[in-house]
Amino acid sequence: MQKFGVKNGPVDRRRLSDQDKQAYNSSGAYGERAKAVSRTRAFRGRRAYDANRPIAATENTPGTGAYNPDGESIQQSRNREIGINKRKSESFRPEMDNVYEDIYS
């Protein structure tokens, strides 16, 4: 395992005697040192990613929802047309008796 610049990296267990290797593994020191190396690698990777990732921003281009002073009149005329079409389509429907009149009176 590479040390990645960590001063207290794990000891190369290939060079230890069997007795020292068993004591080193059972003490938990190897796990602590290996965890320090993995934390360092993760930290460096996260910093490298943050340094190179694109900035989360939206461009302000025309027509993307900015304020338009003529927008109110456009919306009013659109709603007026919708209301006219609705009343026109309702006028074509046949007259029906109120079926709920007997229920709620």
N, C-alpha and C. Protein backbone atom coordinates (compact mmCIF):
# COMPACT_ATOMS: atom_id res chain seq x y z
N MET A 1 0.85 -1.18 0.00
CA MET A 1 0.00 0.00 0.00
C MET A 1 0.90 1.24 0.00
N GLN A 2 0.63 2.17 -0.92
CA GLN A 2 1.42 3.38 -0.97
C GLN A 2 1.02 4.31 0.16
N LYS A 3 1.97 5.14 0.56
CA LYS A 3 1.72 6.00 1.72
C LYS A 3 1.10 7.33 1.35
N PHE A 4 1.20 7.78 0.10
CA PHE A 4 0.60 9.03 -0.36
C PHE A 4 0.98 10.20 0.52
N GLY A 5 2.23 10.25 0.94
CA GLY A 5 2.70 11.39 1.72
C GLY A 5 2.30 11.37 3.18
N VAL A 6 1.66 10.29 3.64
CA VAL A 6 1.29 10.19 5.05
C VAL A 6 2.51 9.70 5.82
N LYS A 7 2.88 10.44 6.86
CA LYS A 7 4.10 10.10 7.58
C LYS A 7 3.97 8.82 8.39
N ASN A 8 2.76 8.52 8.85
CA ASN A 8 2.60 7.32 9.66
C ASN A 8 1.86 6.25 8.86
N GLY A 9 2.30 6.00 7.64
CA GLY A 9 1.69 5.00 6.80
C GLY A 9 1.91 3.60 7.35
N PRO A 10 1.23 2.62 6.79
CA PRO A 10 1.37 1.25 7.30
C PRO A 10 2.77 0.69 7.06
N VAL A 11 3.18 -0.16 7.95
CA VAL A 11 4.49 -0.79 7.86
C VAL A 11 4.40 -1.91 6.83
N ASP A 12 5.46 -2.08 6.05
CA ASP A 12 5.51 -3.17 5.08
C ASP A 12 5.65 -4.48 5.84
N ARG A 13 4.58 -5.25 5.86
CA ARG A 13 4.55 -6.46 6.68
C ARG A 13 5.39 -7.58 6.09
N ARG A 14 5.82 -7.45 4.86
CA ARG A 14 6.66 -8.49 4.26
C ARG A 14 8.02 -8.56 4.95
N ARG A 15 8.44 -7.46 5.54
CA ARG A 15 9.76 -7.43 6.17
C ARG A 15 9.73 -7.85 7.65
N LEU A 16 8.55 -8.08 8.18
CA LEU A 16 8.44 -8.43 9.60
C LEU A 16 8.53 -9.94 9.79
N SER A 17 8.96 -10.32 10.99
CA SER A 17 8.95 -11.74 11.33
C SER A 17 7.51 -12.16 11.58
N ASP A 18 7.27 -13.46 11.63
CA ASP A 18 5.91 -13.95 11.82
C ASP A 18 5.34 -13.48 13.15
N GLN A 19 6.17 -13.47 14.18
CA GLN A 19 5.70 -13.05 15.50
C GLN A 19 5.35 -11.55 15.48
N ASP A 20 6.22 -10.73 14.89
CA ASP A 20 5.95 -9.29 14.82
C ASP A 20 4.74 -9.00 13.93
N LYS A 21 4.61 -9.76 12.86
CA LYS A 21 3.48 -9.57 11.96
C LYS A 21 2.16 -9.87 12.67
N GLN A 22 2.16 -10.94 13.47
CA GLN A 22 0.94 -11.31 14.20
C GLN A 22 0.61 -10.25 15.24
N ALA A 23 1.62 -9.75 15.93
CA ALA A 23 1.38 -8.72 16.95
C ALA A 23 0.92 -7.41 16.30
N TYR A 24 1.50 -7.10 15.14
CA TYR A 24 1.14 -5.85 14.44
C TYR A 24 -0.29 -5.92 13.92
N ASN A 25 -0.70 -7.07 13.40
CA ASN A 25 -2.06 -7.22 12.88
C ASN A 25 -3.09 -7.22 13.99
N SER A 26 -2.80 -7.87 15.09
CA SER A 26 -3.78 -7.98 16.17
C SER A 26 -3.90 -6.70 16.99
N SER A 27 -2.88 -5.83 16.94
CA SER A 27 -2.94 -4.61 17.74
C SER A 27 -3.88 -3.57 17.12
N GLY A 28 -4.19 -3.71 15.83
CA GLY A 28 -5.05 -2.74 15.17
C GLY A 28 -4.29 -1.56 14.61
N ALA A 29 -2.97 -1.54 14.77
CA ALA A 29 -2.18 -0.42 14.28
C ALA A 29 -2.19 -0.37 12.75
N TYR A 30 -2.18 -1.56 12.13
CA TYR A 30 -2.20 -1.57 10.67
C TYR A 30 -3.49 -0.95 10.16
N GLY A 31 -4.61 -1.29 10.76
CA GLY A 31 -5.90 -0.76 10.33
C GLY A 31 -5.98 0.75 10.48
N GLU A 32 -5.46 1.25 11.61
CA GLU A 32 -5.47 2.70 11.83
C GLU A 32 -4.62 3.42 10.79
N ARG A 33 -3.45 2.87 10.51
CA ARG A 33 -2.56 3.52 9.54
C ARG A 33 -3.12 3.41 8.13
N ALA A 34 -3.70 2.26 7.81
CA ALA A 34 -4.30 2.12 6.48
C ALA A 34 -5.49 3.05 6.32
N LYS A 35 -6.24 3.26 7.39
CA LYS A 35 -7.38 4.18 7.34
C LYS A 35 -6.91 5.62 7.14
N ALA A 36 -5.78 5.97 7.74
CA ALA A 36 -5.23 7.31 7.56
C ALA A 36 -4.85 7.53 6.10
N VAL A 37 -4.27 6.52 5.48
CA VAL A 37 -3.90 6.63 4.07
C VAL A 37 -5.16 6.76 3.21
N SER A 38 -6.19 5.97 3.49
CA SER A 38 -7.41 6.03 2.68
C SER A 38 -8.13 7.36 2.86
N ARG A 39 -8.11 7.91 4.08
CA ARG A 39 -8.71 9.23 4.30
C ARG A 39 -7.96 10.30 3.51
N THR A 40 -6.63 10.20 3.49
CA THR A 40 -5.83 11.17 2.74
C THR A 40 -6.11 11.07 1.26
N ARG A 41 -6.20 9.85 0.74
CA ARG A 41 -6.51 9.67 -0.69
C ARG A 41 -7.88 10.24 -1.02
N ALA A 42 -8.87 9.99 -0.15
CA ALA A 42 -10.22 10.50 -0.40
C ALA A 42 -10.24 12.02 -0.35
N PHE A 43 -9.52 12.60 0.60
CA PHE A 43 -9.48 14.06 0.73
C PHE A 43 -8.84 14.68 -0.50
N ARG A 44 -7.74 14.10 -0.95
CA ARG A 44 -7.06 14.65 -2.13
C ARG A 44 -7.92 14.49 -3.38
N GLY A 45 -8.59 13.36 -3.50
CA GLY A 45 -9.46 13.16 -4.65
C GLY A 45 -10.62 14.13 -4.66
N ARG A 46 -11.22 14.37 -3.48
CA ARG A 46 -12.34 15.30 -3.38
C ARG A 46 -11.89 16.72 -3.73
N ARG A 47 -10.69 17.11 -3.24
CA ARG A 47 -10.18 18.45 -3.56
C ARG A 47 -9.88 18.59 -5.05
N ALA A 48 -9.33 17.54 -5.66
CA ALA A 48 -9.04 17.59 -7.09
C ALA A 48 -10.32 17.69 -7.90
N TYR A 49 -11.35 16.95 -7.48
CA TYR A 49 -12.64 17.01 -8.19
C TYR A 49 -13.26 18.40 -8.05
N ASP A 50 -13.27 18.93 -6.83
CA ASP A 50 -13.85 20.25 -6.61
C ASP A 50 -13.10 21.33 -7.39
N ALA A 51 -11.80 21.16 -7.57
CA ALA A 51 -11.02 22.16 -8.29
C ALA A 51 -11.34 22.15 -9.78
N ASN A 52 -11.76 21.01 -10.32
CA ASN A 52 -11.96 20.89 -11.75
C ASN A 52 -13.41 20.76 -12.19
N ARG A 53 -14.34 20.72 -11.27
CA ARG A 53 -15.73 20.52 -11.68
C ARG A 53 -16.30 21.83 -12.23
N PRO A 54 -17.31 21.74 -13.10
CA PRO A 54 -17.91 22.96 -13.63
C PRO A 54 -18.72 23.68 -12.56
N ILE A 55 -18.75 24.98 -12.65
CA ILE A 55 -19.47 25.78 -11.68
C ILE A 55 -20.96 25.66 -11.97
N ALA A 56 -21.74 25.42 -10.95
CA ALA A 56 -23.19 25.29 -11.10
C ALA A 56 -23.80 26.68 -11.20
N ALA A 57 -24.07 27.11 -12.42
CA ALA A 57 -24.64 28.42 -12.63
C ALA A 57 -25.51 28.38 -13.88
N THR A 58 -26.48 29.26 -13.94
CA THR A 58 -27.33 29.36 -15.11
C THR A 58 -27.05 30.69 -15.79
N GLU A 59 -27.11 30.67 -17.10
CA GLU A 59 -26.86 31.89 -17.84
C GLU A 59 -28.13 32.71 -17.94
N ASN A 60 -27.98 34.00 -17.99
CA ASN A 60 -29.11 34.89 -18.14
C ASN A 60 -29.22 35.26 -19.61
N THR A 61 -30.01 34.52 -20.34
CA THR A 61 -30.21 34.81 -21.75
C THR A 61 -31.63 35.30 -21.95
N PRO A 62 -31.90 36.04 -22.99
CA PRO A 62 -33.25 36.56 -23.21
C PRO A 62 -34.27 35.44 -23.33
N GLY A 63 -35.43 35.67 -22.74
CA GLY A 63 -36.50 34.70 -22.83
C GLY A 63 -36.44 33.61 -21.80
N THR A 64 -35.66 33.77 -20.75
CA THR A 64 -35.55 32.73 -19.75
C THR A 64 -36.36 33.04 -18.49
N GLY A 65 -37.26 34.01 -18.56
CA GLY A 65 -38.09 34.30 -17.41
C GLY A 65 -37.75 35.60 -16.73
N ALA A 66 -36.96 36.43 -17.37
CA ALA A 66 -36.66 37.73 -16.79
C ALA A 66 -37.89 38.62 -16.89
N TYR A 67 -37.87 39.76 -16.23
CA TYR A 67 -39.02 40.66 -16.21
C TYR A 67 -39.24 41.26 -17.59
N ASN A 68 -40.50 41.24 -18.01
CA ASN A 68 -40.88 41.82 -19.30
C ASN A 68 -42.06 42.75 -19.04
N PRO A 69 -41.91 44.06 -19.25
CA PRO A 69 -43.01 44.98 -18.95
C PRO A 69 -44.25 44.72 -19.79
N ASP A 70 -44.10 44.15 -20.98
CA ASP A 70 -45.26 43.85 -21.81
C ASP A 70 -45.90 42.52 -21.45
N GLY A 71 -45.28 41.80 -20.53
CA GLY A 71 -45.77 40.47 -20.18
C GLY A 71 -47.16 40.48 -19.58
N GLU A 72 -47.48 41.52 -18.78
CA GLU A 72 -48.80 41.57 -18.14
C GLU A 72 -49.90 41.71 -19.19
N SER A 73 -49.70 42.59 -20.14
CA SER A 73 -50.74 42.77 -21.16
C SER A 73 -50.86 41.52 -22.04
N ILE A 74 -49.75 40.85 -22.32
CA ILE A 74 -49.80 39.61 -23.10
C ILE A 74 -50.58 38.54 -22.35
N GLN A 75 -50.32 38.43 -21.04
CA GLN A 75 -51.01 37.42 -20.24
C GLN A 75 -52.50 37.75 -20.15
N GLN A 76 -52.84 39.03 -19.97
CA GLN A 76 -54.24 39.42 -19.88
C GLN A 76 -54.98 39.10 -21.17
N SER A 77 -54.37 39.39 -22.31
CA SER A 77 -55.04 39.09 -23.58
C SER A 77 -55.17 37.58 -23.78
N ARG A 78 -54.16 36.82 -23.36
CA ARG A 78 -54.24 35.36 -23.48
C ARG A 78 -55.36 34.81 -22.61
N ASN A 79 -55.46 35.29 -21.37
CA ASN A 79 -56.54 34.84 -20.49
C ASN A 79 -57.90 35.28 -21.01
N ARG A 80 -57.97 36.45 -21.61
CA ARG A 80 -59.23 36.93 -22.19
C ARG A 80 -59.68 36.01 -23.31
N GLU A 81 -58.73 35.61 -24.18
CA GLU A 81 -59.07 34.69 -25.26
C GLU A 81 -59.52 33.34 -24.73
N ILE A 82 -58.85 32.86 -23.69
CA ILE A 82 -59.24 31.58 -23.10
C ILE A 82 -60.66 31.66 -22.56
N GLY A 83 -61.00 32.77 -21.88
CA GLY A 83 -62.36 32.95 -21.35
C GLY A 83 -63.40 33.02 -22.44
N ILE A 84 -63.08 33.73 -23.54
CA ILE A 84 -64.02 33.82 -24.66
C ILE A 84 -64.26 32.43 -25.26
N ASN A 85 -63.20 31.67 -25.47
CA ASN A 85 -63.33 30.32 -26.03
C ASN A 85 -64.11 29.41 -25.10
N LYS A 86 -63.93 29.57 -23.79
CA LYS A 86 -64.64 28.73 -22.83
C LYS A 86 -66.13 29.04 -22.85
N ARG A 87 -66.48 30.33 -22.84
CA ARG A 87 -67.89 30.71 -22.88
C ARG A 87 -68.54 30.28 -24.19
N LYS A 88 -67.79 30.36 -25.29
CA LYS A 88 -68.32 29.96 -26.60
C LYS A 88 -68.60 28.47 -26.62
N SER A 89 -67.65 27.65 -26.07
CA SER A 89 -67.86 26.20 -26.06
C SER A 89 -68.99 25.80 -25.12
N GLU A 90 -69.17 26.55 -24.03
CA GLU A 90 -70.26 26.25 -23.11
C GLU A 90 -71.61 26.60 -23.72
N SER A 91 -71.62 27.57 -24.62
CA SER A 91 -72.90 27.96 -25.24
C SER A 91 -73.40 26.87 -26.18
N PHE A 92 -72.50 26.02 -26.70
CA PHE A 92 -72.91 24.94 -27.59
C PHE A 92 -73.47 23.74 -26.84
N ARG A 93 -73.27 23.67 -25.56
CA ARG A 93 -73.74 22.53 -24.78
C ARG A 93 -75.24 22.65 -24.55
N PRO A 94 -75.92 21.51 -24.50
CA PRO A 94 -77.37 21.57 -24.25
C PRO A 94 -77.65 21.94 -22.80
N GLU A 95 -78.81 22.57 -22.60
CA GLU A 95 -79.22 22.93 -21.24
C GLU A 95 -79.59 21.67 -20.48
N MET A 96 -79.16 21.59 -19.25
CA MET A 96 -79.47 20.42 -18.43
C MET A 96 -80.07 20.87 -17.12
N ASP A 97 -80.94 20.05 -16.60
CA ASP A 97 -81.52 20.34 -15.29
C ASP A 97 -80.46 20.14 -14.23
N ASN A 98 -80.62 20.86 -13.13
CA ASN A 98 -79.70 20.72 -12.02
C ASN A 98 -80.05 19.44 -11.28
N VAL A 99 -79.23 18.40 -11.40
CA VAL A 99 -79.52 17.11 -10.78
C VAL A 99 -79.32 17.13 -9.28
N TYR A 100 -78.56 18.09 -8.80
CA TYR A 100 -78.26 18.14 -7.36
C TYR A 100 -79.27 18.98 -6.60
N GLU A 101 -80.19 19.59 -7.31
CA GLU A 101 -81.14 20.49 -6.67
C GLU A 101 -82.01 19.76 -5.66
N ASP A 102 -82.48 18.55 -6.03
CA ASP A 102 -83.34 17.78 -5.13
C ASP A 102 -82.56 17.19 -3.96
N ILE A 103 -81.31 16.89 -4.16
CA ILE A 103 -80.52 16.22 -3.13
C ILE A 103 -80.24 17.17 -1.98
N TYR A 104 -79.85 18.40 -2.26
CA TYR A 104 -79.38 19.31 -1.23
C TYR A 104 -80.42 20.33 -0.79
N SER A 105 -81.66 20.23 -1.24
CA SER A 105 -82.67 21.20 -0.78
C SER A 105 -83.66 20.59 0.16
